[in-house]
Amino acid sequence: MIENRYRDVANLHIRSMQHGFLPSLGENFLALLYRSIDESDHGILITHYEEGSLLGFVSGTTSMRSIYRSIFRSPWKLLNSLFPVLFSYSKLVKIFEIFRHTKSNRRQSLPDAELLSISVEANAKGSGVASSLYKQLIREFETRRVKEFVIVVGQQLDRANAFYKKMGATNEDFISVHRSSHSLIYIQKIDRG
């Protein structure tokens, strides 16, 4: 059942974020990534099921370094999940760009806590599932004494950008994780009042 949960999340990620880079790495890699997030002491994975079907999920972390350590604990699983990617120069370059971004001075100046991904099944959009998941993530960050977290989202993703603004996040800057695209940086303050 637990393994199915990670596969469900991976498949929803692939279906709902088709134009992103991570879906191009495949279901096996994404299932391993979400397992690593969930099993890390610094990771958060919240899922919303109804009648046995996954309608949405949100993931976050208080330390991306911890997630990387968690995923590298299973090097053979990681290599196996990325095996097809090892023969794609363009995908290897994009993986390198992600690592470079996480080590950059700009990223280091931002809060460690981050919303990594949020997704809702197409037939559940507009039902409040995304807002509920986002608020659950904020509550989870609150229990970990996080005062603010960062969200990096593609500049061209109008609906996602509108959602984060509606939820109270403020656009602070932009960044280019991959050479060919720009992303906006949002900061969500957590009000403990």
Protein backbone atom coordinates (compact mmCIF):
# COMPACT_ATOMS: atom_id res chain seq x y z
CA MET A 1 0.00 0.00 0.00
CA ILE A 2 2.79 2.46 0.93
CA GLU A 3 4.67 1.73 -2.32
CA ASN A 4 1.43 2.30 -4.25
CA ARG A 5 1.12 5.73 -2.62
CA TYR A 6 4.49 6.81 -4.05
CA ARG A 7 3.55 5.43 -7.46
CA ASP A 8 0.21 7.28 -7.30
CA VAL A 9 2.00 10.54 -6.47
CA ALA A 10 4.57 9.97 -9.23
CA ASN A 11 1.85 9.31 -11.81
CA LEU A 12 -0.18 12.36 -10.80
CA HIS A 13 2.98 14.47 -10.98
CA ILE A 14 3.66 13.18 -14.52
CA ARG A 15 0.07 13.76 -15.69
CA SER A 16 -0.33 17.21 -14.20
CA MET A 17 3.12 18.66 -14.88
CA GLN A 18 3.79 17.25 -18.33
CA HIS A 19 5.84 20.22 -19.48
CA GLY A 20 8.16 20.21 -16.47
CA PHE A 21 11.57 18.58 -16.35
CA LEU A 22 11.05 16.09 -13.50
CA PRO A 23 8.29 14.12 -15.30
CA SER A 24 10.79 13.43 -18.09
CA LEU A 25 12.84 11.42 -15.58
CA GLY A 26 10.06 8.84 -15.33
CA GLU A 27 7.77 7.16 -12.84
CA ASN A 28 10.49 5.08 -11.14
CA PHE A 29 12.62 8.12 -10.34
CA LEU A 30 9.65 10.18 -9.12
CA ALA A 31 8.39 7.32 -6.90
CA LEU A 32 11.89 7.07 -5.38
CA LEU A 33 12.04 10.86 -4.95
CA TYR A 34 8.69 11.03 -3.15
CA ARG A 35 9.59 8.06 -0.95
CA SER A 36 12.83 9.86 -0.04
CA ILE A 37 10.94 13.06 0.77
CA ASP A 38 8.45 11.15 2.91
CA GLU A 39 11.11 9.15 4.77
CA SER A 40 13.42 12.10 5.43
CA ASP A 41 13.15 13.77 8.84
CA HIS A 42 13.09 17.09 6.94
CA GLY A 43 10.59 16.09 4.25
CA ILE A 44 6.82 16.45 4.08
CA LEU A 45 4.45 14.54 1.81
CA ILE A 46 0.72 15.08 2.28
CA THR A 47 -1.75 13.20 0.10
CA HIS A 48 -5.51 13.60 -0.37
CA TYR A 49 -7.40 10.43 -1.31
CA GLU A 50 -11.12 10.06 -1.86
CA GLU A 51 -12.73 6.66 -2.44
CA GLY A 52 -9.31 5.09 -2.99
CA SER A 53 -8.19 7.58 -5.66
CA LEU A 54 -5.47 10.15 -5.20
CA LEU A 55 -6.93 13.60 -5.86
CA GLY A 56 -3.90 15.67 -4.88
CA PHE A 57 -0.64 15.96 -3.01
CA VAL A 58 1.80 18.54 -1.72
CA SER A 59 5.44 18.06 -0.81
CA GLY A 60 7.89 20.24 1.03
CA THR A 61 11.10 20.23 3.00
CA THR A 62 12.93 22.12 5.69
CA SER A 63 16.27 21.10 4.16
CA MET A 64 16.84 20.04 0.55
CA ARG A 65 20.26 18.68 1.52
CA SER A 66 18.50 16.15 3.74
CA ILE A 67 16.33 15.02 0.81
CA TYR A 68 19.43 14.52 -1.35
CA ARG A 69 21.07 12.49 1.42
CA SER A 70 17.93 10.39 1.72
CA ILE A 71 17.74 9.67 -2.01
CA PHE A 72 21.45 8.78 -2.21
CA ARG A 73 21.02 6.19 0.56
CA SER A 74 19.76 3.82 -2.15
CA PRO A 75 22.39 4.34 -4.89
CA TRP A 76 21.43 1.22 -6.86
CA LYS A 77 17.75 2.15 -6.87
CA LEU A 78 18.70 5.68 -7.93
CA LEU A 79 20.91 4.45 -10.77
CA ASN A 80 18.27 1.96 -11.87
CA SER A 81 15.55 4.63 -11.86
CA LEU A 82 17.73 7.02 -13.85
CA PHE A 83 19.26 4.42 -16.20
CA PRO A 84 17.50 5.68 -19.37
CA VAL A 85 18.50 9.27 -18.50
CA LEU A 86 22.19 8.37 -18.37
CA PHE A 87 22.15 8.26 -22.17
CA SER A 88 20.54 11.68 -22.60
CA TYR A 89 23.03 14.54 -22.57
CA SER A 90 20.30 17.21 -22.36
CA LYS A 91 18.69 15.56 -19.31
CA LEU A 92 22.05 15.18 -17.57
CA VAL A 93 22.70 18.89 -18.16
CA LYS A 94 19.33 19.76 -16.59
CA ILE A 95 20.06 17.56 -13.55
CA PHE A 96 23.37 19.40 -13.16
CA GLU A 97 21.53 22.74 -13.44
CA ILE A 98 19.22 21.75 -10.57
CA PHE A 99 22.18 20.85 -8.35
CA ARG A 100 23.92 24.08 -9.34
CA HIS A 101 20.79 26.05 -8.43
CA THR A 102 20.55 24.47 -4.96
CA LYS A 103 24.19 25.40 -4.27
CA SER A 104 23.98 28.92 -5.75
CA ASN A 105 24.44 32.02 -3.61
CA ARG A 106 20.95 33.17 -4.62
CA ARG A 107 19.30 29.95 -3.35
CA GLN A 108 21.45 30.00 -0.21
CA SER A 109 20.10 33.48 0.63
CA LEU A 110 16.51 32.19 0.65
CA PRO A 111 14.72 30.27 3.44
CA ASP A 112 15.74 26.60 3.71
CA ALA A 113 12.11 25.51 3.90
CA GLU A 114 10.49 25.02 0.50
CA LEU A 115 7.28 23.90 -1.10
CA LEU A 116 8.61 21.38 -3.63
CA SER A 117 5.46 20.44 -5.53
CA ILE A 118 1.71 20.58 -5.36
CA SER A 119 -0.68 18.90 -7.77
CA VAL A 120 -4.37 18.17 -8.06
CA GLU A 121 -6.15 15.75 -10.39
CA ALA A 122 -7.80 17.57 -13.32
CA ASN A 123 -11.34 16.62 -12.24
CA ALA A 124 -10.69 18.02 -8.72
CA LYS A 125 -9.42 21.44 -9.76
CA GLY A 126 -11.52 24.23 -8.29
CA SER A 127 -12.85 21.93 -5.53
CA GLY A 128 -10.66 23.35 -2.76
CA VAL A 129 -8.28 20.38 -2.63
CA ALA A 130 -5.23 22.50 -3.55
CA SER A 131 -6.05 25.16 -0.95
CA SER A 132 -6.59 22.49 1.70
CA LEU A 133 -3.27 20.80 0.90
CA TYR A 134 -1.45 24.15 0.94
CA LYS A 135 -2.91 25.01 4.37
CA GLN A 136 -1.96 21.54 5.68
CA LEU A 137 1.61 22.14 4.51
CA ILE A 138 1.65 25.50 6.33
CA ARG A 139 0.42 23.79 9.53
CA GLU A 140 3.12 21.14 9.17
CA PHE A 141 5.78 23.83 8.73
CA GLU A 142 4.35 25.60 11.81
CA THR A 143 4.86 22.48 13.94
CA ARG A 144 8.49 22.53 12.78
CA ARG A 145 8.84 26.19 13.79
CA VAL A 146 9.30 27.40 10.22
CA LYS A 147 8.59 31.14 9.85
CA GLU A 148 8.63 31.29 6.05
CA PHE A 149 9.17 29.08 3.04
CA VAL A 150 10.13 29.53 -0.58
CA ILE A 151 8.26 28.47 -3.71
CA VAL A 152 9.95 28.38 -7.12
CA VAL A 153 7.46 28.25 -10.00
CA GLY A 154 7.77 28.63 -13.77
CA GLN A 155 7.08 32.19 -14.89
CA GLN A 156 4.80 30.96 -17.70
CA LEU A 157 2.52 28.99 -15.34
CA ASP A 158 -0.23 31.59 -14.96
CA ARG A 159 -2.64 29.45 -12.92
CA ALA A 160 0.06 28.35 -10.47
CA ASN A 161 1.31 31.91 -10.04
CA ALA A 162 -2.24 33.17 -9.43
CA PHE A 163 -2.80 30.37 -6.88
CA TYR A 164 0.30 31.23 -4.83
CA LYS A 165 -0.62 34.92 -4.80
CA LYS A 166 -4.17 34.04 -3.71
CA MET A 167 -2.73 31.94 -0.86
CA GLY A 168 -0.72 34.93 0.38
CA ALA A 169 2.74 34.28 -1.03
CA THR A 170 4.63 37.31 -2.34
CA ASN A 171 6.76 37.36 -5.47
CA GLU A 172 10.26 38.35 -4.39
CA ASP A 173 12.44 37.78 -7.43
CA PHE A 174 13.06 35.52 -10.43
CA ILE A 175 15.70 32.92 -11.16
CA SER A 176 16.79 30.75 -14.08
CA VAL A 177 17.19 27.19 -12.85
CA HIS A 178 17.41 25.96 -16.45
CA ARG A 179 19.00 28.13 -19.11
CA SER A 180 15.94 28.12 -21.33
CA SER A 181 13.32 29.19 -18.76
CA HIS A 182 12.68 31.66 -15.96
CA SER A 183 11.04 30.89 -12.65
CA LEU A 184 9.50 33.22 -10.10
CA ILE A 185 10.52 33.06 -6.45
CA TYR A 186 7.72 33.43 -3.91
CA ILE A 187 8.05 33.69 -0.15
CA GLN A 188 5.18 32.54 2.05
CA LYS A 189 5.33 34.01 5.56
CA ILE A 190 3.74 31.92 8.28
CA ASP A 191 1.70 34.00 10.70
CA ARG A 192 1.59 32.35 14.11
CA GLY A 193 -0.87 34.96 15.41
